[in-house]
Amino acid sequence: MKKRNNLYIVLFLIGLVLSGIQPKEYFTWFLEVIPALIGGVILLLTYKKFQFTSFTYFFIVLHCYVLFLGGHYTYAEVPLFDWIKETFHQTRNNYDKVGHFFQGFVPAMIVRELFIRKEVISNKSYFNFIIVSICLAISAAYEWIEWWVSICTGEVGDAFLGTQGYIWDTQSDMLLATIGAISMLVFFSKFQDKAISAFLNKK
């Protein structure tokens, strides 16, 4: 368990360093990776008090890599999704939608594990609804941040905002985060339950 978590820390640092090597724009890179940095610091500071399962840590690191890649190229210019755009005749580079899907998926996993292990909610009837609502609130708050940065920085913040001329970008971002949260709950809850059970049995 400890060795695996140390591996995740190493992978996080490698991804962070590689993403920071000659990115498209350093200001945009900083804005895109700062959530990963803040999250990493919080996880390190709280590690002795509360350790997540390796299952959850794996997806946290995966989400960080999504952020690192978007920060390096900017979300509108990730090469693979430029290829997808050209091949399938799409109107925009849709890598940002992957990012917003994970913005719902991973927080749902984090919140769910916290709720289960800390016994936050006694009435299970509202369990999934509250988790999805929290993830949607996080997504909405992030959209406020994008809007605020764009207003304050003008054209410099456009790459961070990343609408690419799509007028429904904000709404579709929040929709993808909601789908991500629901997907986690529907398809990964049982796997997380097994991971939590195994983790608690080892303590």
N, C-alpha and C. Protein backbone atom coordinates (compact mmCIF):
# COMPACT_ATOMS: atom_id res chain seq x y z
N MET A 1 0.83 -1.21 0.00
CA MET A 1 0.00 0.00 0.00
C MET A 1 0.87 1.26 0.00
N LYS A 2 1.83 1.31 0.94
CA LYS A 2 2.69 2.48 1.05
C LYS A 2 3.56 2.64 -0.19
N LYS A 3 4.12 1.50 -0.68
CA LYS A 3 4.95 1.55 -1.88
C LYS A 3 4.15 2.04 -3.08
N ARG A 4 2.91 1.58 -3.18
CA ARG A 4 2.08 1.99 -4.31
C ARG A 4 1.76 3.48 -4.23
N ASN A 5 1.49 3.97 -3.05
CA ASN A 5 1.20 5.40 -2.90
C ASN A 5 2.44 6.24 -3.19
N ASN A 6 3.63 5.74 -2.81
CA ASN A 6 4.87 6.44 -3.15
C ASN A 6 5.07 6.49 -4.66
N LEU A 7 4.69 5.40 -5.33
CA LEU A 7 4.77 5.36 -6.79
C LEU A 7 3.87 6.43 -7.41
N TYR A 8 2.67 6.59 -6.83
CA TYR A 8 1.75 7.61 -7.34
C TYR A 8 2.33 9.01 -7.17
N ILE A 9 3.03 9.24 -6.07
CA ILE A 9 3.66 10.55 -5.85
C ILE A 9 4.73 10.79 -6.92
N VAL A 10 5.53 9.77 -7.20
CA VAL A 10 6.58 9.88 -8.22
C VAL A 10 5.95 10.15 -9.59
N LEU A 11 4.90 9.41 -9.92
CA LEU A 11 4.22 9.60 -11.21
C LEU A 11 3.64 11.01 -11.31
N PHE A 12 3.08 11.50 -10.21
CA PHE A 12 2.55 12.87 -10.18
C PHE A 12 3.65 13.87 -10.49
N LEU A 13 4.80 13.74 -9.84
CA LEU A 13 5.90 14.68 -10.03
C LEU A 13 6.47 14.60 -11.44
N ILE A 14 6.58 13.39 -11.98
CA ILE A 14 7.07 13.23 -13.35
C ILE A 14 6.13 13.92 -14.34
N GLY A 15 4.83 13.68 -14.18
CA GLY A 15 3.85 14.31 -15.07
C GLY A 15 3.87 15.82 -14.97
N LEU A 16 4.00 16.34 -13.75
CA LEU A 16 4.05 17.78 -13.54
C LEU A 16 5.26 18.39 -14.22
N VAL A 17 6.44 17.77 -14.02
CA VAL A 17 7.67 18.30 -14.62
C VAL A 17 7.62 18.26 -16.14
N LEU A 18 7.19 17.13 -16.69
CA LEU A 18 7.13 16.99 -18.15
C LEU A 18 6.16 18.00 -18.76
N SER A 19 5.03 18.22 -18.09
CA SER A 19 4.05 19.17 -18.62
C SER A 19 4.57 20.59 -18.61
N GLY A 20 5.50 20.87 -17.68
CA GLY A 20 6.04 22.23 -17.55
C GLY A 20 7.23 22.51 -18.45
N ILE A 21 7.65 21.52 -19.24
CA ILE A 21 8.77 21.72 -20.17
C ILE A 21 8.25 22.31 -21.48
N GLN A 22 8.55 23.58 -21.69
CA GLN A 22 8.16 24.32 -22.90
C GLN A 22 6.68 24.12 -23.25
N PRO A 23 5.79 24.47 -22.35
CA PRO A 23 4.36 24.40 -22.68
C PRO A 23 3.99 25.47 -23.70
N LYS A 24 2.79 25.39 -24.20
CA LYS A 24 2.32 26.37 -25.20
C LYS A 24 2.39 27.78 -24.63
N GLU A 25 1.86 27.96 -23.42
CA GLU A 25 1.89 29.25 -22.72
C GLU A 25 2.05 28.97 -21.23
N TYR A 26 3.05 29.58 -20.62
CA TYR A 26 3.31 29.28 -19.21
C TYR A 26 2.17 29.76 -18.29
N PHE A 27 1.54 30.88 -18.64
CA PHE A 27 0.45 31.37 -17.80
C PHE A 27 -0.73 30.39 -17.84
N THR A 28 -1.07 29.93 -19.06
CA THR A 28 -2.16 28.96 -19.19
C THR A 28 -1.80 27.65 -18.51
N TRP A 29 -0.54 27.23 -18.67
CA TRP A 29 -0.09 26.00 -18.01
C TRP A 29 -0.29 26.10 -16.50
N PHE A 30 0.10 27.22 -15.92
CA PHE A 30 -0.05 27.40 -14.48
C PHE A 30 -1.52 27.32 -14.07
N LEU A 31 -2.39 27.98 -14.81
CA LEU A 31 -3.81 27.98 -14.48
C LEU A 31 -4.40 26.58 -14.56
N GLU A 32 -3.95 25.81 -15.54
CA GLU A 32 -4.52 24.47 -15.74
C GLU A 32 -4.02 23.45 -14.72
N VAL A 33 -2.76 23.60 -14.28
CA VAL A 33 -2.22 22.59 -13.36
C VAL A 33 -2.38 22.97 -11.89
N ILE A 34 -2.76 24.21 -11.61
CA ILE A 34 -2.89 24.65 -10.22
C ILE A 34 -3.89 23.80 -9.42
N PRO A 35 -5.02 23.33 -10.02
CA PRO A 35 -5.90 22.45 -9.22
C PRO A 35 -5.20 21.17 -8.78
N ALA A 36 -4.35 20.62 -9.66
CA ALA A 36 -3.60 19.41 -9.31
C ALA A 36 -2.60 19.69 -8.19
N LEU A 37 -1.94 20.85 -8.26
CA LEU A 37 -0.98 21.22 -7.23
C LEU A 37 -1.65 21.42 -5.88
N ILE A 38 -2.77 22.13 -5.89
CA ILE A 38 -3.51 22.37 -4.64
C ILE A 38 -4.01 21.05 -4.06
N GLY A 39 -4.59 20.21 -4.94
CA GLY A 39 -5.08 18.91 -4.49
C GLY A 39 -3.96 18.04 -3.94
N GLY A 40 -2.80 18.06 -4.61
CA GLY A 40 -1.66 17.27 -4.14
C GLY A 40 -1.18 17.70 -2.77
N VAL A 41 -1.11 19.01 -2.56
CA VAL A 41 -0.68 19.53 -1.26
C VAL A 41 -1.67 19.13 -0.17
N ILE A 42 -2.96 19.25 -0.45
CA ILE A 42 -3.99 18.88 0.53
C ILE A 42 -3.89 17.40 0.89
N LEU A 43 -3.71 16.55 -0.13
CA LEU A 43 -3.60 15.11 0.13
C LEU A 43 -2.38 14.77 0.96
N LEU A 44 -1.27 15.47 0.71
CA LEU A 44 -0.05 15.23 1.48
C LEU A 44 -0.20 15.68 2.94
N LEU A 45 -0.82 16.85 3.12
CA LEU A 45 -0.98 17.40 4.47
C LEU A 45 -1.95 16.58 5.32
N THR A 46 -2.91 15.95 4.66
CA THR A 46 -3.92 15.18 5.40
C THR A 46 -3.64 13.67 5.39
N TYR A 47 -2.52 13.26 4.81
CA TYR A 47 -2.25 11.83 4.60
C TYR A 47 -2.23 11.04 5.91
N LYS A 48 -1.62 11.60 6.96
CA LYS A 48 -1.53 10.87 8.23
C LYS A 48 -2.89 10.73 8.91
N LYS A 49 -3.76 11.70 8.67
CA LYS A 49 -5.08 11.68 9.29
C LYS A 49 -6.08 10.84 8.49
N PHE A 50 -5.93 10.90 7.16
CA PHE A 50 -6.88 10.15 6.32
C PHE A 50 -6.20 9.73 5.02
N GLN A 51 -6.09 8.42 4.85
CA GLN A 51 -5.52 7.87 3.61
C GLN A 51 -6.65 7.29 2.76
N PHE A 52 -6.69 7.69 1.52
CA PHE A 52 -7.64 7.09 0.59
C PHE A 52 -7.12 5.72 0.16
N THR A 53 -7.97 4.94 -0.44
CA THR A 53 -7.53 3.65 -1.00
C THR A 53 -6.65 3.91 -2.21
N SER A 54 -5.82 2.94 -2.55
CA SER A 54 -4.98 3.05 -3.75
C SER A 54 -5.85 3.16 -4.99
N PHE A 55 -7.01 2.54 -4.95
CA PHE A 55 -7.97 2.62 -6.07
C PHE A 55 -8.33 4.07 -6.36
N THR A 56 -8.65 4.83 -5.32
CA THR A 56 -9.01 6.23 -5.49
C THR A 56 -7.80 7.07 -5.87
N TYR A 57 -6.65 6.80 -5.25
CA TYR A 57 -5.44 7.54 -5.59
C TYR A 57 -5.07 7.36 -7.06
N PHE A 58 -5.27 6.16 -7.59
CA PHE A 58 -4.96 5.91 -9.00
C PHE A 58 -5.73 6.85 -9.91
N PHE A 59 -7.03 7.00 -9.64
CA PHE A 59 -7.85 7.87 -10.49
C PHE A 59 -7.55 9.35 -10.26
N ILE A 60 -7.12 9.69 -9.06
CA ILE A 60 -6.70 11.07 -8.80
C ILE A 60 -5.48 11.41 -9.65
N VAL A 61 -4.50 10.50 -9.68
CA VAL A 61 -3.30 10.71 -10.50
C VAL A 61 -3.67 10.77 -11.98
N LEU A 62 -4.57 9.91 -12.41
CA LEU A 62 -5.02 9.91 -13.80
C LEU A 62 -5.65 11.26 -14.16
N HIS A 63 -6.46 11.78 -13.25
CA HIS A 63 -7.06 13.10 -13.47
C HIS A 63 -5.99 14.18 -13.56
N CYS A 64 -4.97 14.07 -12.73
CA CYS A 64 -3.86 15.03 -12.77
C CYS A 64 -3.18 15.02 -14.13
N TYR A 65 -3.02 13.83 -14.70
CA TYR A 65 -2.39 13.74 -16.02
C TYR A 65 -3.26 14.38 -17.10
N VAL A 66 -4.57 14.28 -16.95
CA VAL A 66 -5.47 14.98 -17.87
C VAL A 66 -5.23 16.49 -17.78
N LEU A 67 -5.06 16.99 -16.56
CA LEU A 67 -4.78 18.41 -16.35
C LEU A 67 -3.40 18.79 -16.89
N PHE A 68 -2.41 17.94 -16.66
CA PHE A 68 -1.05 18.22 -17.12
C PHE A 68 -1.00 18.32 -18.65
N LEU A 69 -1.67 17.40 -19.30
CA LEU A 69 -1.67 17.39 -20.77
C LEU A 69 -2.37 18.63 -21.31
N GLY A 70 -3.52 18.97 -20.70
CA GLY A 70 -4.24 20.17 -21.12
C GLY A 70 -3.45 21.43 -20.85
N GLY A 71 -2.70 21.44 -19.75
CA GLY A 71 -1.87 22.60 -19.43
C GLY A 71 -0.71 22.76 -20.40
N HIS A 72 -0.12 21.65 -20.81
CA HIS A 72 1.04 21.70 -21.69
C HIS A 72 0.67 22.23 -23.09
N TYR A 73 -0.40 21.68 -23.65
CA TYR A 73 -0.79 22.06 -25.01
C TYR A 73 -1.84 23.16 -25.08
N THR A 74 -2.53 23.41 -23.98
CA THR A 74 -3.82 24.10 -23.86
C THR A 74 -4.90 23.13 -24.34
N TYR A 75 -6.05 23.24 -23.75
CA TYR A 75 -7.11 22.27 -24.03
C TYR A 75 -7.60 22.32 -25.47
N ALA A 76 -7.40 23.44 -26.14
CA ALA A 76 -7.88 23.59 -27.52
C ALA A 76 -6.89 23.06 -28.55
N GLU A 77 -5.70 22.63 -28.08
CA GLU A 77 -4.68 22.25 -29.06
C GLU A 77 -3.98 20.93 -28.74
N VAL A 78 -4.63 20.05 -28.01
CA VAL A 78 -4.04 18.74 -27.75
C VAL A 78 -4.00 17.96 -29.07
N PRO A 79 -2.81 17.53 -29.52
CA PRO A 79 -2.65 16.95 -30.86
C PRO A 79 -3.58 15.79 -31.20
N LEU A 80 -3.74 14.83 -30.29
CA LEU A 80 -4.60 13.68 -30.58
C LEU A 80 -6.02 14.13 -30.90
N PHE A 81 -6.50 15.13 -30.17
CA PHE A 81 -7.87 15.58 -30.39
C PHE A 81 -7.98 16.53 -31.58
N ASP A 82 -6.86 17.09 -32.02
CA ASP A 82 -6.85 17.78 -33.31
C ASP A 82 -7.03 16.77 -34.43
N TRP A 83 -6.36 15.61 -34.27
CA TRP A 83 -6.50 14.53 -35.26
C TRP A 83 -7.95 14.02 -35.28
N ILE A 84 -8.52 13.82 -34.10
CA ILE A 84 -9.92 13.37 -34.02
C ILE A 84 -10.84 14.39 -34.67
N LYS A 85 -10.56 15.67 -34.43
CA LYS A 85 -11.36 16.75 -35.02
C LYS A 85 -11.34 16.67 -36.54
N GLU A 86 -10.15 16.49 -37.11
CA GLU A 86 -10.03 16.44 -38.57
C GLU A 86 -10.61 15.15 -39.13
N THR A 87 -10.35 14.04 -38.47
CA THR A 87 -10.79 12.73 -38.96
C THR A 87 -12.30 12.59 -38.95
N PHE A 88 -12.93 13.09 -37.89
CA PHE A 88 -14.37 12.92 -37.75
C PHE A 88 -15.15 14.21 -38.04
N HIS A 89 -14.44 15.17 -38.66
CA HIS A 89 -15.06 16.42 -39.12
C HIS A 89 -15.81 17.15 -38.01
N GLN A 90 -15.16 17.22 -36.84
CA GLN A 90 -15.74 17.97 -35.74
C GLN A 90 -15.40 19.45 -35.88
N THR A 91 -16.15 20.30 -35.22
CA THR A 91 -15.98 21.75 -35.35
C THR A 91 -14.96 22.31 -34.38
N ARG A 92 -14.53 21.50 -33.38
CA ARG A 92 -13.62 22.00 -32.36
C ARG A 92 -12.79 20.85 -31.78
N ASN A 93 -11.71 21.20 -31.10
CA ASN A 93 -10.93 20.23 -30.35
C ASN A 93 -11.65 19.96 -29.03
N ASN A 94 -12.08 18.73 -28.81
CA ASN A 94 -12.95 18.42 -27.67
C ASN A 94 -12.22 17.80 -26.48
N TYR A 95 -10.91 18.01 -26.38
CA TYR A 95 -10.19 17.46 -25.24
C TYR A 95 -10.70 18.04 -23.92
N ASP A 96 -11.16 19.29 -23.95
CA ASP A 96 -11.67 19.90 -22.72
C ASP A 96 -12.85 19.12 -22.15
N LYS A 97 -13.60 18.43 -23.02
CA LYS A 97 -14.74 17.66 -22.55
C LYS A 97 -14.27 16.44 -21.75
N VAL A 98 -13.11 15.89 -22.13
CA VAL A 98 -12.51 14.81 -21.35
C VAL A 98 -12.17 15.33 -19.95
N GLY A 99 -11.58 16.53 -19.92
CA GLY A 99 -11.23 17.15 -18.64
C GLY A 99 -12.44 17.36 -17.76
N HIS A 100 -13.53 17.82 -18.33
CA HIS A 100 -14.72 18.09 -17.52
C HIS A 100 -15.43 16.80 -17.12
N PHE A 101 -15.32 15.76 -17.93
CA PHE A 101 -15.84 14.45 -17.52
C PHE A 101 -15.12 13.99 -16.26
N PHE A 102 -13.79 14.09 -16.26
CA PHE A 102 -13.00 13.71 -15.08
C PHE A 102 -13.27 14.64 -13.91
N GLN A 103 -13.65 15.88 -14.21
CA GLN A 103 -13.96 16.85 -13.15
C GLN A 103 -15.18 16.41 -12.34
N GLY A 104 -16.01 15.57 -12.93
CA GLY A 104 -17.14 14.99 -12.20
C GLY A 104 -16.82 13.60 -11.67
N PHE A 105 -16.11 12.82 -12.48
CA PHE A 105 -15.82 11.42 -12.15
C PHE A 105 -14.97 11.28 -10.89
N VAL A 106 -13.84 11.98 -10.86
CA VAL A 106 -12.90 11.81 -9.75
C VAL A 106 -13.42 12.44 -8.44
N PRO A 107 -13.97 13.66 -8.46
CA PRO A 107 -14.56 14.18 -7.22
C PRO A 107 -15.66 13.28 -6.66
N ALA A 108 -16.43 12.64 -7.55
CA ALA A 108 -17.47 11.71 -7.08
C ALA A 108 -16.84 10.56 -6.33
N MET A 109 -15.71 10.07 -6.84
CA MET A 109 -15.01 8.97 -6.18
C MET A 109 -14.45 9.40 -4.82
N ILE A 110 -13.88 10.60 -4.79
CA ILE A 110 -13.31 11.12 -3.55
C ILE A 110 -14.40 11.34 -2.50
N VAL A 111 -15.46 12.02 -2.90
CA VAL A 111 -16.56 12.32 -1.97
C VAL A 111 -17.22 11.04 -1.49
N ARG A 112 -17.40 10.09 -2.40
CA ARG A 112 -18.06 8.83 -2.03
C ARG A 112 -17.25 8.09 -0.96
N GLU A 113 -15.93 8.02 -1.15
CA GLU A 113 -15.12 7.32 -0.16
C GLU A 113 -15.14 8.04 1.19
N LEU A 114 -15.07 9.36 1.16
CA LEU A 114 -15.16 10.13 2.40
C LEU A 114 -16.49 9.89 3.10
N PHE A 115 -17.57 9.92 2.35
CA PHE A 115 -18.90 9.73 2.92
C PHE A 115 -19.04 8.35 3.56
N ILE A 116 -18.52 7.33 2.86
CA ILE A 116 -18.65 5.97 3.38
C ILE A 116 -17.82 5.77 4.64
N ARG A 117 -16.56 6.16 4.57
CA ARG A 117 -15.65 5.87 5.69
C ARG A 117 -15.88 6.78 6.89
N LYS A 118 -16.37 7.99 6.65
CA LYS A 118 -16.65 8.91 7.76
C LYS A 118 -18.12 8.84 8.19
N GLU A 119 -18.90 8.00 7.49
CA GLU A 119 -20.32 7.82 7.79
C GLU A 119 -21.04 9.17 7.86
N VAL A 120 -20.85 9.95 6.81
CA VAL A 120 -21.41 11.31 6.76
C VAL A 120 -22.92 11.30 6.61
N ILE A 121 -23.42 10.38 5.79
CA ILE A 121 -24.86 10.36 5.50
C ILE A 121 -25.48 9.08 6.04
N SER A 122 -26.45 9.22 6.89
CA SER A 122 -27.11 8.05 7.48
C SER A 122 -28.22 7.52 6.57
N ASN A 123 -28.90 8.44 5.88
CA ASN A 123 -29.99 8.03 4.99
C ASN A 123 -29.43 7.79 3.59
N LYS A 124 -29.27 6.52 3.22
CA LYS A 124 -28.65 6.16 1.94
C LYS A 124 -29.51 6.53 0.73
N SER A 125 -30.76 6.87 0.96
CA SER A 125 -31.65 7.23 -0.15
C SER A 125 -31.15 8.48 -0.88
N TYR A 126 -30.48 9.37 -0.14
CA TYR A 126 -30.00 10.61 -0.73
C TYR A 126 -28.51 10.57 -1.10
N PHE A 127 -27.89 9.42 -0.88
CA PHE A 127 -26.44 9.28 -1.01
C PHE A 127 -25.93 9.73 -2.38
N ASN A 128 -26.39 9.07 -3.43
CA ASN A 128 -25.91 9.37 -4.78
C ASN A 128 -26.32 10.76 -5.25
N PHE A 129 -27.52 11.18 -4.87
CA PHE A 129 -28.00 12.50 -5.27
C PHE A 129 -27.10 13.59 -4.72
N ILE A 130 -26.73 13.47 -3.46
CA ILE A 130 -25.88 14.48 -2.82
C ILE A 130 -24.48 14.50 -3.46
N ILE A 131 -23.95 13.32 -3.77
CA ILE A 131 -22.63 13.25 -4.41
C ILE A 131 -22.64 13.93 -5.77
N VAL A 132 -23.64 13.64 -6.58
CA VAL A 132 -23.74 14.26 -7.91
C VAL A 132 -23.93 15.77 -7.77
N SER A 133 -24.73 16.19 -6.79
CA SER A 133 -24.96 17.62 -6.57
C SER A 133 -23.67 18.34 -6.19
N ILE A 134 -22.86 17.71 -5.36
CA ILE A 134 -21.57 18.30 -4.97
C ILE A 134 -20.66 18.43 -6.18
N CYS A 135 -20.62 17.40 -7.00
CA CYS A 135 -19.77 17.43 -8.21
C CYS A 135 -20.24 18.51 -9.18
N LEU A 136 -21.54 18.68 -9.32
CA LEU A 136 -22.07 19.72 -10.19
C LEU A 136 -21.73 21.10 -9.63
N ALA A 137 -21.78 21.24 -8.30
CA ALA A 137 -21.42 22.51 -7.67
C ALA A 137 -19.94 22.83 -7.90
N ILE A 138 -19.08 21.82 -7.83
CA ILE A 138 -17.65 22.01 -8.11
C ILE A 138 -17.45 22.46 -9.54
N SER A 139 -18.16 21.82 -10.46
CA SER A 139 -18.06 22.18 -11.88
C SER A 139 -18.51 23.62 -12.11
N ALA A 140 -19.63 24.00 -11.50
CA ALA A 140 -20.14 25.37 -11.65
C ALA A 140 -19.15 26.38 -11.10
N ALA A 141 -18.56 26.06 -9.94
CA ALA A 141 -17.58 26.97 -9.33
C ALA A 141 -16.36 27.14 -10.24
N TYR A 142 -15.95 26.06 -10.89
CA TYR A 142 -14.80 26.13 -11.80
C TYR A 142 -15.13 27.01 -13.00
N GLU A 143 -16.37 26.94 -13.47
CA GLU A 143 -16.80 27.80 -14.58
C GLU A 143 -16.77 29.27 -14.16
N TRP A 144 -17.11 29.55 -12.91
CA TRP A 144 -17.01 30.94 -12.41
C TRP A 144 -15.56 31.40 -12.44
N ILE A 145 -14.66 30.51 -12.03
CA ILE A 145 -13.23 30.86 -12.02
C ILE A 145 -12.75 31.15 -13.43
N GLU A 146 -13.13 30.31 -14.39
CA GLU A 146 -12.74 30.53 -15.78
C GLU A 146 -13.25 31.89 -16.28
N TRP A 147 -14.49 32.18 -15.95
CA TRP A 147 -15.11 33.45 -16.37
C TRP A 147 -14.37 34.63 -15.75
N TRP A 148 -14.07 34.53 -14.45
CA TRP A 148 -13.40 35.61 -13.75
C TRP A 148 -11.99 35.85 -14.31
N VAL A 149 -11.25 34.76 -14.54
CA VAL A 149 -9.89 34.89 -15.09
C VAL A 149 -9.94 35.52 -16.48
N SER A 150 -10.90 35.11 -17.29
CA SER A 150 -11.03 35.66 -18.63
C SER A 150 -11.32 37.16 -18.61
N ILE A 151 -12.17 37.58 -17.68
CA ILE A 151 -12.50 39.00 -17.57
C ILE A 151 -11.28 39.80 -17.11
N CYS A 152 -10.54 39.25 -16.16
CA CYS A 152 -9.41 39.96 -15.57
C CYS A 152 -8.19 40.01 -16.49
N THR A 153 -8.03 39.00 -17.34
CA THR A 153 -6.81 38.92 -18.15
C THR A 153 -7.04 39.18 -19.64
N GLY A 154 -8.30 39.27 -20.05
CA GLY A 154 -8.60 39.54 -21.46
C GLY A 154 -8.18 38.40 -22.37
N GLU A 155 -7.52 38.70 -23.45
CA GLU A 155 -7.14 37.71 -24.44
C GLU A 155 -6.18 36.66 -23.88
N VAL A 156 -5.38 37.05 -22.89
CA VAL A 156 -4.43 36.12 -22.28
C VAL A 156 -5.16 34.93 -21.64
N GLY A 157 -6.35 35.19 -21.11
CA GLY A 157 -7.10 34.13 -20.44
C GLY A 157 -8.01 33.34 -21.34
N ASP A 158 -8.05 33.68 -22.63
CA ASP A 158 -8.95 32.98 -23.55
C ASP A 158 -8.60 31.50 -23.69
N ALA A 159 -7.29 31.18 -23.68
CA ALA A 159 -6.88 29.77 -23.79
C ALA A 159 -7.35 28.98 -22.58
N PHE A 160 -7.39 29.64 -21.41
CA PHE A 160 -7.87 28.99 -20.19
C PHE A 160 -9.38 28.80 -20.25
N LEU A 161 -10.08 29.80 -20.76
CA LEU A 161 -11.53 29.71 -20.90
C LEU A 161 -11.89 28.63 -21.91
N GLY A 162 -11.22 28.62 -23.05
CA GLY A 162 -11.29 27.52 -24.01
C GLY A 162 -12.63 27.25 -24.64
N THR A 163 -13.44 28.26 -24.87
CA THR A 163 -14.75 28.02 -25.47
C THR A 163 -14.66 27.65 -26.95
N GLN A 164 -13.60 28.12 -27.62
CA GLN A 164 -13.40 27.89 -29.06
C GLN A 164 -14.62 28.32 -29.88
N GLY A 165 -15.27 29.37 -29.43
CA GLY A 165 -16.41 29.90 -30.17
C GLY A 165 -17.71 29.16 -29.97
N TYR A 166 -17.72 28.18 -29.09
CA TYR A 166 -18.92 27.38 -28.85
C TYR A 166 -19.76 28.05 -27.77
N ILE A 167 -20.94 28.53 -28.12
CA ILE A 167 -21.73 29.34 -27.19
C ILE A 167 -22.27 28.54 -26.01
N TRP A 168 -22.39 27.22 -26.17
CA TRP A 168 -22.91 26.39 -25.08
C TRP A 168 -21.79 25.67 -24.33
N ASP A 169 -20.59 26.21 -24.41
CA ASP A 169 -19.44 25.53 -23.80
C ASP A 169 -19.61 25.35 -22.30
N THR A 170 -20.04 26.38 -21.60
CA THR A 170 -20.20 26.31 -20.14
C THR A 170 -21.21 25.25 -19.75
N GLN A 171 -22.35 25.26 -20.43
CA GLN A 171 -23.41 24.30 -20.11
C GLN A 171 -22.97 22.86 -20.42
N SER A 172 -22.29 22.68 -21.55
CA SER A 172 -21.84 21.33 -21.91
C SER A 172 -20.74 20.85 -20.97
N ASP A 173 -19.90 21.77 -20.49
CA ASP A 173 -18.87 21.40 -19.50
C ASP A 173 -19.52 20.84 -18.24
N MET A 174 -20.53 21.52 -17.74
CA MET A 174 -21.20 21.07 -16.53
C MET A 174 -21.96 19.76 -16.76
N LEU A 175 -22.51 19.62 -17.97
CA LEU A 175 -23.19 18.37 -18.31
C LEU A 175 -22.21 17.20 -18.29
N LEU A 176 -21.01 17.41 -18.88
CA LEU A 176 -20.02 16.34 -18.91
C LEU A 176 -19.55 15.98 -17.50
N ALA A 177 -19.42 16.98 -16.63
CA ALA A 177 -19.04 16.71 -15.23
C ALA A 177 -20.13 15.88 -14.54
N THR A 178 -21.38 16.21 -14.81
CA THR A 178 -22.50 15.46 -14.23
C THR A 178 -22.50 14.02 -14.74
N ILE A 179 -22.29 13.85 -16.04
CA ILE A 179 -22.21 12.51 -16.62
C ILE A 179 -21.05 11.74 -16.01
N GLY A 180 -19.92 12.42 -15.81
CA GLY A 180 -18.77 11.78 -15.20
C GLY A 180 -19.07 11.28 -13.80
N ALA A 181 -19.74 12.11 -13.00
CA ALA A 181 -20.10 11.72 -11.63
C ALA A 181 -21.06 10.54 -11.62
N ILE A 182 -22.06 10.59 -12.47
CA ILE A 182 -23.04 9.50 -12.54
C ILE A 182 -22.38 8.21 -13.03
N SER A 183 -21.48 8.33 -14.01
CA SER A 183 -20.78 7.16 -14.55
C SER A 183 -19.96 6.48 -13.46
N MET A 184 -19.30 7.29 -12.63
CA MET A 184 -18.51 6.71 -11.54
C MET A 184 -19.41 5.92 -10.59
N LEU A 185 -20.54 6.51 -10.22
CA LEU A 185 -21.44 5.87 -9.27
C LEU A 185 -22.06 4.60 -9.83
N VAL A 186 -22.39 4.62 -11.11
CA VAL A 186 -23.06 3.47 -11.73
C VAL A 186 -22.09 2.32 -12.00
N PHE A 187 -20.91 2.66 -12.53
CA PHE A 187 -20.00 1.62 -13.03
C PHE A 187 -18.83 1.26 -12.10
N PHE A 188 -18.52 2.12 -11.13
CA PHE A 188 -17.32 1.88 -10.32
C PHE A 188 -17.59 1.78 -8.82
N SER A 189 -18.82 1.93 -8.40
CA SER A 189 -19.12 1.87 -6.96
C SER A 189 -18.74 0.54 -6.34
N LYS A 190 -19.06 -0.56 -7.01
CA LYS A 190 -18.76 -1.89 -6.46
C LYS A 190 -17.25 -2.10 -6.35
N PHE A 191 -16.50 -1.63 -7.34
CA PHE A 191 -15.04 -1.77 -7.29
C PHE A 191 -14.47 -0.95 -6.13
N GLN A 192 -15.03 0.24 -5.94
CA GLN A 192 -14.57 1.08 -4.84
C GLN A 192 -14.93 0.46 -3.50
N ASP A 193 -16.11 -0.12 -3.41
CA ASP A 193 -16.52 -0.79 -2.17
C ASP A 193 -15.54 -1.91 -1.80
N LYS A 194 -15.12 -2.69 -2.79
CA LYS A 194 -14.16 -3.78 -2.55
C LYS A 194 -12.82 -3.22 -2.10
N ALA A 195 -12.40 -2.11 -2.72
CA ALA A 195 -11.13 -1.48 -2.36
C ALA A 195 -11.17 -0.95 -0.94
N ILE A 196 -12.29 -0.34 -0.57
CA ILE A 196 -12.45 0.19 0.78
C ILE A 196 -12.45 -0.94 1.81
N SER A 197 -13.17 -2.01 1.48
CA SER A 197 -13.23 -3.17 2.39
C SER A 197 -11.84 -3.77 2.59
N ALA A 198 -11.09 -3.92 1.51
CA ALA A 198 -9.74 -4.49 1.60
C ALA A 198 -8.83 -3.57 2.39
N PHE A 199 -8.97 -2.26 2.19
CA PHE A 199 -8.14 -1.29 2.90
C PHE A 199 -8.42 -1.33 4.40
N LEU A 200 -9.69 -1.37 4.79
CA LEU A 200 -10.05 -1.37 6.20
C LEU A 200 -9.65 -2.67 6.89
N ASN A 201 -9.68 -3.76 6.15
CA ASN A 201 -9.31 -5.07 6.72
C ASN A 201 -7.82 -5.17 7.00
N LYS A 202 -7.02 -4.37 6.27
CA LYS A 202 -5.56 -4.38 6.47
C LYS A 202 -5.13 -3.50 7.64
N LYS A 203 -6.03 -2.61 8.07
CA LYS A 203 -5.66 -1.67 9.15
C LYS A 203 -5.67 -2.38 10.52
